[in-house]
Amino acid sequence: MASTFIAYLDSVKTRDPAARSRWEVLLYPGVWALAFHRVAHWLYGGELFFLARFVNHTARLLTAIDIHPGAKIGANFFIDHGFTVIGETAEIGNDVTIYQNVTLGGTNPSTGIGGKRHPTLRSGVVIGSGAQVLGPIEVGEGARVGANAVVTHDVDPGSTVVGIPAKAVAAEAVHYSPGFIPYGTPCGEDCDPALMRVIELEAALAALRDEVAMIRAEQLPAPKAKSA
């Protein structure tokens, strides 16, 4: 157990360049929130719902992170900073990183749709600060969600999505950083969905201009031959 805990602290340290030691990591609210959640989830599984909620509320008071006791969380989960909300039916894989002010939210219960209401994050996912991931959708393994994105549909494994609503970007993240990418996405302008849309429209306009020029050229009368 000690080796597993040390491995977890090391996994957090590798994802946060500000951490200089394991002792510092021990003070992180995300680490404490996860520890409280492990206890609350165990109580929840034993149908001790009031006690599970009591632990949950204590954790929220101390860490500003609200993880429902029913949420299923894998190994090496890291919330960097706080003010994050994770819903009851959320499922999180291994080595997932979430930054501040993220919501893994559910669908409207008034629709009458029960059961799974919250997202599933596969292993290696990174969710940028302020992102809202809503509904029983799946974020594929190794995917990245940019800051302040609003995600309401499935995200393909290994892809990067940004914007409102979130859309995939074509930027090759390895060009920016070959390893772990903090905050979910690179910060180049080619990740701006508005700029990408402008580029698409300019390309479409150029194609239309070429097509119009070809049509005009075909409609021009042939030059008359000069008489001898």
C-alpha atoms as a PDB file:
ATOM      1  CA  MET A   1       0.000   0.000   0.000  1.00  0.00           C
ATOM      2  CA  ALA A   2       2.817   2.422   0.832  1.00  0.00           C
ATOM      3  CA  SER A   3       4.429   1.838  -2.569  1.00  0.00           C
ATOM      4  CA  THR A   4       1.093   2.485  -4.300  1.00  0.00           C
ATOM      5  CA  PHE A   5       0.651   5.738  -2.389  1.00  0.00           C
ATOM      6  CA  ILE A   6       4.198   6.873  -3.205  1.00  0.00           C
ATOM      7  CA  ALA A   7       3.611   6.019  -6.871  1.00  0.00           C
ATOM      8  CA  TYR A   8       0.485   8.170  -6.782  1.00  0.00           C
ATOM      9  CA  LEU A   9       2.358  11.132  -5.297  1.00  0.00           C
ATOM     10  CA  ASP A  10       5.045  10.734  -7.951  1.00  0.00           C
ATOM     11  CA  SER A  11       2.404  10.643 -10.697  1.00  0.00           C
ATOM     12  CA  VAL A  12       1.040  13.967  -9.446  1.00  0.00           C
ATOM     13  CA  LYS A  13       4.525  15.453  -9.208  1.00  0.00           C
ATOM     14  CA  THR A  14       5.260  14.575 -12.843  1.00  0.00           C
ATOM     15  CA  ARG A  15       2.130  16.456 -13.929  1.00  0.00           C
ATOM     16  CA  ASP A  16       2.763  19.596 -11.897  1.00  0.00           C
ATOM     17  CA  PRO A  17       6.050  21.437 -12.466  1.00  0.00           C
ATOM     18  CA  ALA A  18       5.381  23.548  -9.342  1.00  0.00           C
ATOM     19  CA  ALA A  19       5.695  20.510  -7.054  1.00  0.00           C
ATOM     20  CA  ARG A  20       9.232  20.182  -5.694  1.00  0.00           C
ATOM     21  CA  SER A  21       8.669  17.212  -3.424  1.00  0.00           C
ATOM     22  CA  ARG A  22       6.169  14.586  -2.354  1.00  0.00           C
ATOM     23  CA  TRP A  23       5.629  16.524   0.858  1.00  0.00           C
ATOM     24  CA  GLU A  24       4.280  19.465  -1.127  1.00  0.00           C
ATOM     25  CA  VAL A  25       1.947  17.175  -3.070  1.00  0.00           C
ATOM     26  CA  LEU A  26       0.534  15.935   0.245  1.00  0.00           C
ATOM     27  CA  LEU A  27      -0.816  19.454   0.844  1.00  0.00           C
ATOM     28  CA  TYR A  28      -2.702  19.649  -2.453  1.00  0.00           C
ATOM     29  CA  PRO A  29      -6.495  19.925  -2.078  1.00  0.00           C
ATOM     30  CA  GLY A  30      -6.990  17.533  -4.985  1.00  0.00           C
ATOM     31  CA  VAL A  31      -5.044  14.824  -3.157  1.00  0.00           C
ATOM     32  CA  TRP A  32      -7.085  15.312  -0.003  1.00  0.00           C
ATOM     33  CA  ALA A  33     -10.346  15.388  -1.974  1.00  0.00           C
ATOM     34  CA  LEU A  34      -9.494  12.053  -3.572  1.00  0.00           C
ATOM     35  CA  ALA A  35      -8.603  10.538  -0.182  1.00  0.00           C
ATOM     36  CA  PHE A  36     -11.938  11.654   1.263  1.00  0.00           C
ATOM     37  CA  HIS A  37     -13.721  10.309  -1.807  1.00  0.00           C
ATOM     38  CA  ARG A  38     -12.183   6.849  -1.400  1.00  0.00           C
ATOM     39  CA  VAL A  39     -13.729   6.700   2.076  1.00  0.00           C
ATOM     40  CA  ALA A  40     -17.057   8.159   0.951  1.00  0.00           C
ATOM     41  CA  HIS A  41     -17.262   5.788  -2.024  1.00  0.00           C
ATOM     42  CA  TRP A  42     -16.626   2.788   0.244  1.00  0.00           C
ATOM     43  CA  LEU A  43     -19.439   3.933   2.541  1.00  0.00           C
ATOM     44  CA  TYR A  44     -21.685   4.549  -0.460  1.00  0.00           C
ATOM     45  CA  GLY A  45     -21.061   1.032  -1.732  1.00  0.00           C
ATOM     46  CA  GLY A  46     -22.140  -0.269   1.683  1.00  0.00           C
ATOM     47  CA  GLU A  47     -25.372   1.770   1.388  1.00  0.00           C
ATOM     48  CA  LEU A  48     -24.328   3.997   4.280  1.00  0.00           C
ATOM     49  CA  PHE A  49     -25.538   6.970   2.294  1.00  0.00           C
ATOM     50  CA  PHE A  50     -25.767   9.505   5.122  1.00  0.00           C
ATOM     51  CA  LEU A  51     -22.223   8.822   6.298  1.00  0.00           C
ATOM     52  CA  ALA A  52     -20.992   8.925   2.700  1.00  0.00           C
ATOM     53  CA  ARG A  53     -22.617  12.313   2.241  1.00  0.00           C
ATOM     54  CA  PHE A  54     -21.188  13.550   5.536  1.00  0.00           C
ATOM     55  CA  VAL A  55     -17.656  12.684   4.365  1.00  0.00           C
ATOM     56  CA  ASN A  56     -18.421  14.270   1.002  1.00  0.00           C
ATOM     57  CA  HIS A  57     -19.569  17.537   2.584  1.00  0.00           C
ATOM     58  CA  THR A  58     -16.574  17.597   4.912  1.00  0.00           C
ATOM     59  CA  ALA A  59     -14.269  17.189   1.919  1.00  0.00           C
ATOM     60  CA  ARG A  60     -16.043  19.971   0.050  1.00  0.00           C
ATOM     61  CA  LEU A  61     -15.711  22.285   3.044  1.00  0.00           C
ATOM     62  CA  LEU A  62     -11.969  21.627   3.341  1.00  0.00           C
ATOM     63  CA  THR A  63     -10.975  21.413  -0.322  1.00  0.00           C
ATOM     64  CA  ALA A  64     -13.617  23.284  -2.366  1.00  0.00           C
ATOM     65  CA  ILE A  65     -13.951  20.131  -4.462  1.00  0.00           C
ATOM     66  CA  ASP A  66     -17.280  18.298  -4.649  1.00  0.00           C
ATOM     67  CA  ILE A  67     -17.066  14.634  -5.695  1.00  0.00           C
ATOM     68  CA  HIS A  68     -20.292  12.690  -5.295  1.00  0.00           C
ATOM     69  CA  PRO A  69     -19.702   9.495  -3.279  1.00  0.00           C
ATOM     70  CA  GLY A  70     -21.171   7.430  -6.111  1.00  0.00           C
ATOM     71  CA  ALA A  71     -18.603   8.522  -8.708  1.00  0.00           C
ATOM     72  CA  LYS A  72     -16.187   5.791  -9.835  1.00  0.00           C
ATOM     73  CA  ILE A  73     -12.559   6.930 -10.012  1.00  0.00           C
ATOM     74  CA  GLY A  74      -9.513   4.974 -11.172  1.00  0.00           C
ATOM     75  CA  ALA A  75      -5.857   5.135 -10.170  1.00  0.00           C
ATOM     76  CA  ASN A  76      -3.647   8.247 -10.197  1.00  0.00           C
ATOM     77  CA  PHE A  77      -6.508  10.731 -10.547  1.00  0.00           C
ATOM     78  CA  PHE A  78      -5.361  14.328 -10.039  1.00  0.00           C
ATOM     79  CA  ILE A  79      -7.373  17.519  -9.596  1.00  0.00           C
ATOM     80  CA  ASP A  80      -5.006  20.478  -9.868  1.00  0.00           C
ATOM     81  CA  HIS A  81      -6.350  23.298  -7.665  1.00  0.00           C
ATOM     82  CA  GLY A  82     -10.056  23.092  -6.831  1.00  0.00           C
ATOM     83  CA  PHE A  83     -13.631  24.295  -7.351  1.00  0.00           C
ATOM     84  CA  THR A  84     -14.490  21.186  -9.336  1.00  0.00           C
ATOM     85  CA  VAL A  85     -17.771  19.241  -9.311  1.00  0.00           C
ATOM     86  CA  ILE A  86     -18.071  15.556 -10.244  1.00  0.00           C
ATOM     87  CA  GLY A  87     -21.521  13.971 -10.458  1.00  0.00           C
ATOM     88  CA  GLU A  88     -22.886  10.728  -9.087  1.00  0.00           C
ATOM     89  CA  THR A  89     -22.686   8.510 -12.174  1.00  0.00           C
ATOM     90  CA  ALA A  90     -19.401   9.898 -13.488  1.00  0.00           C
ATOM     91  CA  GLU A  91     -16.730   7.317 -14.294  1.00  0.00           C
ATOM     92  CA  ILE A  92     -13.058   8.233 -14.467  1.00  0.00           C
ATOM     93  CA  GLY A  93     -10.253   5.992 -15.699  1.00  0.00           C
ATOM     94  CA  ASN A  94      -6.583   5.899 -14.726  1.00  0.00           C
ATOM     95  CA  ASP A  95      -4.103   8.795 -14.944  1.00  0.00           C
ATOM     96  CA  VAL A  96      -6.794  11.418 -15.576  1.00  0.00           C
ATOM     97  CA  THR A  97      -5.997  15.082 -14.882  1.00  0.00           C
ATOM     98  CA  ILE A  98      -8.593  17.782 -14.223  1.00  0.00           C
ATOM     99  CA  TYR A  99      -7.855  21.454 -13.647  1.00  0.00           C
ATOM    100  CA  GLN A 100      -9.821  24.038 -11.677  1.00  0.00           C
ATOM    101  CA  ASN A 101     -13.492  24.991 -12.133  1.00  0.00           C
ATOM    102  CA  VAL A 102     -14.414  21.879 -14.112  1.00  0.00           C
ATOM    103  CA  THR A 103     -17.865  20.297 -14.011  1.00  0.00           C
ATOM    104  CA  LEU A 104     -18.625  16.699 -14.914  1.00  0.00           C
ATOM    105  CA  GLY A 105     -22.345  17.366 -14.981  1.00  0.00           C
ATOM    106  CA  GLY A 106     -25.496  15.371 -15.611  1.00  0.00           C
ATOM    107  CA  THR A 107     -28.562  15.604 -17.787  1.00  0.00           C
ATOM    108  CA  ASN A 108     -31.791  17.194 -16.663  1.00  0.00           C
ATOM    109  CA  PRO A 109     -33.578  14.659 -14.402  1.00  0.00           C
ATOM    110  CA  SER A 110     -36.967  16.095 -15.438  1.00  0.00           C
ATOM    111  CA  THR A 111     -36.572  14.368 -18.797  1.00  0.00           C
ATOM    112  CA  GLY A 112     -37.337  11.093 -17.080  1.00  0.00           C
ATOM    113  CA  ILE A 113     -34.096   9.490 -18.247  1.00  0.00           C
ATOM    114  CA  GLY A 114     -32.622   7.631 -15.291  1.00  0.00           C
ATOM    115  CA  GLY A 115     -29.444   5.666 -14.794  1.00  0.00           C
ATOM    116  CA  LYS A 116     -26.260   7.012 -16.320  1.00  0.00           C
ATOM    117  CA  ARG A 117     -26.418  10.823 -16.330  1.00  0.00           C
ATOM    118  CA  HIS A 118     -22.777  11.923 -16.110  1.00  0.00           C
ATOM    119  CA  PRO A 119     -19.698  11.614 -18.340  1.00  0.00           C
ATOM    120  CA  THR A 120     -17.200   8.786 -18.627  1.00  0.00           C
ATOM    121  CA  LEU A 121     -13.539   9.819 -18.912  1.00  0.00           C
ATOM    122  CA  ARG A 122     -11.231   7.111 -20.196  1.00  0.00           C
ATOM    123  CA  SER A 123      -7.617   6.761 -19.072  1.00  0.00           C
ATOM    124  CA  GLY A 124      -5.145   9.548 -19.762  1.00  0.00           C
ATOM    125  CA  VAL A 125      -7.743  12.266 -20.360  1.00  0.00           C
ATOM    126  CA  VAL A 126      -6.861  15.901 -19.559  1.00  0.00           C
ATOM    127  CA  ILE A 127      -9.642  18.417 -18.871  1.00  0.00           C
ATOM    128  CA  GLY A 128      -8.613  22.084 -19.015  1.00  0.00           C
ATOM    129  CA  SER A 129      -9.710  24.712 -16.498  1.00  0.00           C
ATOM    130  CA  GLY A 130     -13.300  25.893 -16.667  1.00  0.00           C
ATOM    131  CA  ALA A 131     -14.458  23.120 -18.993  1.00  0.00           C
ATOM    132  CA  GLN A 132     -17.994  21.760 -18.694  1.00  0.00           C
ATOM    133  CA  VAL A 133     -18.428  18.109 -19.699  1.00  0.00           C
ATOM    134  CA  LEU A 134     -22.137  17.363 -19.621  1.00  0.00           C
ATOM    135  CA  GLY A 135     -24.333  14.313 -19.954  1.00  0.00           C
ATOM    136  CA  PRO A 136     -23.705  10.557 -20.326  1.00  0.00           C
ATOM    137  CA  ILE A 137     -21.031  11.041 -22.968  1.00  0.00           C
ATOM    138  CA  GLU A 138     -17.621   9.412 -23.311  1.00  0.00           C
ATOM    139  CA  VAL A 139     -14.288  11.196 -23.583  1.00  0.00           C
ATOM    140  CA  GLY A 140     -11.963   8.706 -25.242  1.00  0.00           C
ATOM    141  CA  GLU A 141      -8.599   7.553 -23.978  1.00  0.00           C
ATOM    142  CA  GLY A 142      -5.868  10.179 -24.154  1.00  0.00           C
ATOM    143  CA  ALA A 143      -8.250  12.930 -25.311  1.00  0.00           C
ATOM    144  CA  ARG A 144      -7.811  16.556 -24.254  1.00  0.00           C
ATOM    145  CA  VAL A 145     -10.510  19.120 -23.532  1.00  0.00           C
ATOM    146  CA  GLY A 146      -9.434  22.752 -23.738  1.00  0.00           C
ATOM    147  CA  ALA A 147     -10.089  25.435 -21.158  1.00  0.00           C
ATOM    148  CA  ASN A 148     -13.687  26.708 -20.971  1.00  0.00           C
ATOM    149  CA  ALA A 149     -14.893  24.206 -23.550  1.00  0.00           C
ATOM    150  CA  VAL A 150     -18.462  22.924 -23.319  1.00  0.00           C
ATOM    151  CA  VAL A 151     -18.601  19.248 -24.274  1.00  0.00           C
ATOM    152  CA  THR A 152     -21.986  17.629 -24.924  1.00  0.00           C
ATOM    153  CA  HIS A 153     -21.010  14.872 -27.378  1.00  0.00           C
ATOM    154  CA  ASP A 154     -18.547  11.985 -27.364  1.00  0.00           C
ATOM    155  CA  VAL A 155     -14.868  12.856 -27.867  1.00  0.00           C
ATOM    156  CA  ASP A 156     -12.714  10.518 -29.953  1.00  0.00           C
ATOM    157  CA  PRO A 157      -9.657   8.917 -28.315  1.00  0.00           C
ATOM    158  CA  GLY A 158      -6.502  10.987 -28.679  1.00  0.00           C
ATOM    159  CA  SER A 159      -8.294  14.055 -30.045  1.00  0.00           C
ATOM    160  CA  THR A 160      -8.264  17.641 -28.780  1.00  0.00           C
ATOM    161  CA  VAL A 161     -11.517  19.619 -28.526  1.00  0.00           C
ATOM    162  CA  VAL A 162     -11.978  23.311 -27.789  1.00  0.00           C
ATOM    163  CA  GLY A 163     -14.709  25.925 -27.958  1.00  0.00           C
ATOM    164  CA  ILE A 164     -18.447  26.278 -27.295  1.00  0.00           C
ATOM    165  CA  PRO A 165     -19.738  23.843 -28.326  1.00  0.00           C
ATOM    166  CA  ALA A 166     -16.510  21.853 -28.269  1.00  0.00           C
ATOM    167  CA  LYS A 167     -15.113  20.806 -31.635  1.00  0.00           C
ATOM    168  CA  ALA A 168     -12.013  18.864 -32.589  1.00  0.00           C
ATOM    169  CA  VAL A 169      -8.959  20.818 -33.729  1.00  0.00           C
ATOM    170  CA  ALA A 170      -6.440  19.636 -36.236  1.00  0.00           C
ATOM    171  CA  ALA A 171      -3.393  20.938 -34.353  1.00  0.00           C
ATOM    172  CA  GLU A 172      -0.780  18.274 -33.729  1.00  0.00           C
ATOM    173  CA  ALA A 173      -0.113  18.502 -30.001  1.00  0.00           C
ATOM    174  CA  VAL A 174       3.209  16.668 -30.273  1.00  0.00           C
ATOM    175  CA  HIS A 175       4.492  19.700 -32.181  1.00  0.00           C
ATOM    176  CA  TYR A 176       4.191  21.699 -28.960  1.00  0.00           C
ATOM    177  CA  SER A 177       5.109  19.146 -26.334  1.00  0.00           C
ATOM    178  CA  PRO A 178       6.063  15.494 -26.742  1.00  0.00           C
ATOM    179  CA  GLY A 179       4.991  14.595 -23.206  1.00  0.00           C
ATOM    180  CA  PHE A 180       2.212  15.554 -20.822  1.00  0.00           C
ATOM    181  CA  ILE A 181       0.394  18.709 -21.935  1.00  0.00           C
ATOM    182  CA  PRO A 182      -0.729  20.870 -18.988  1.00  0.00           C
ATOM    183  CA  TYR A 183      -4.155  22.480 -19.119  1.00  0.00           C
ATOM    184  CA  GLY A 184      -5.370  20.142 -21.820  1.00  0.00           C
ATOM    185  CA  THR A 185      -4.271  21.848 -25.022  1.00  0.00           C
ATOM    186  CA  PRO A 186      -1.379  23.738 -26.590  1.00  0.00           C
ATOM    187  CA  CYS A 187      -1.828  27.491 -26.710  1.00  0.00           C
ATOM    188  CA  GLY A 188      -1.068  28.206 -30.365  1.00  0.00           C
ATOM    189  CA  GLU A 189      -3.451  30.238 -32.509  1.00  0.00           C
ATOM    190  CA  ASP A 190      -4.086  27.203 -34.698  1.00  0.00           C
ATOM    191  CA  CYS A 191      -6.152  25.806 -31.813  1.00  0.00           C
ATOM    192  CA  ASP A 192      -8.594  28.720 -31.990  1.00  0.00           C
ATOM    193  CA  PRO A 193     -11.841  27.324 -33.477  1.00  0.00           C
ATOM    194  CA  ALA A 194     -12.876  30.779 -34.732  1.00  0.00           C
ATOM    195  CA  LEU A 195      -9.589  31.183 -36.608  1.00  0.00           C
ATOM    196  CA  MET A 196      -9.911  27.680 -38.035  1.00  0.00           C
ATOM    197  CA  ARG A 197     -13.412  28.502 -39.266  1.00  0.00           C
ATOM    198  CA  VAL A 198     -12.149  31.686 -40.924  1.00  0.00           C
ATOM    199  CA  ILE A 199      -9.440  29.666 -42.685  1.00  0.00           C
ATOM    200  CA  GLU A 200     -12.049  27.153 -43.889  1.00  0.00           C
ATOM    201  CA  LEU A 201     -14.280  29.942 -45.228  1.00  0.00           C
ATOM    202  CA  GLU A 202     -11.373  31.646 -46.974  1.00  0.00           C
ATOM    203  CA  ALA A 203     -10.435  28.361 -48.656  1.00  0.00           C
ATOM    204  CA  ALA A 204     -14.036  27.827 -49.754  1.00  0.00           C
ATOM    205  CA  LEU A 205     -14.220  31.395 -51.104  1.00  0.00           C
ATOM    206  CA  ALA A 206     -10.984  30.932 -53.051  1.00  0.00           C
ATOM    207  CA  ALA A 207     -12.366  27.715 -54.575  1.00  0.00           C
ATOM    208  CA  LEU A 208     -15.573  29.511 -55.603  1.00  0.00           C
ATOM    209  CA  ARG A 209     -13.599  32.320 -57.224  1.00  0.00           C
ATOM    210  CA  ASP A 210     -11.584  29.815 -59.225  1.00  0.00           C
ATOM    211  CA  GLU A 211     -14.775  28.069 -60.327  1.00  0.00           C
ATOM    212  CA  VAL A 212     -16.402  31.354 -61.397  1.00  0.00           C
ATOM    213  CA  ALA A 213     -13.278  32.312 -63.331  1.00  0.00           C
ATOM    214  CA  MET A 214     -13.356  28.973 -65.189  1.00  0.00           C
ATOM    215  CA  ILE A 215     -17.045  29.380 -66.064  1.00  0.00           C
ATOM    216  CA  ARG A 216     -16.466  32.903 -67.382  1.00  0.00           C
ATOM    217  CA  ALA A 217     -13.533  31.726 -69.448  1.00  0.00           C
ATOM    218  CA  GLU A 218     -15.685  28.998 -71.025  1.00  0.00           C
ATOM    219  CA  GLN A 219     -18.457  31.500 -71.867  1.00  0.00           C
ATOM    220  CA  LEU A 220     -16.199  34.040 -73.603  1.00  0.00           C
ATOM    221  CA  PRO A 221     -16.625  33.965 -77.406  1.00  0.00           C
ATOM    222  CA  ALA A 222     -13.769  32.505 -79.354  1.00  0.00           C
ATOM    223  CA  PRO A 223     -11.599  35.123 -81.062  1.00  0.00           C
ATOM    224  CA  LYS A 224     -12.478  35.643 -84.779  1.00  0.00           C
ATOM    225  CA  ALA A 225      -9.907  34.615 -87.330  1.00  0.00           C
ATOM    226  CA  LYS A 226      -8.483  37.566 -89.301  1.00  0.00           C
ATOM    227  CA  SER A 227      -9.351  37.669 -93.051  1.00  0.00           C
ATOM    228  CA  ALA A 228      -6.518  37.581 -95.552  1.00  0.00           C
END
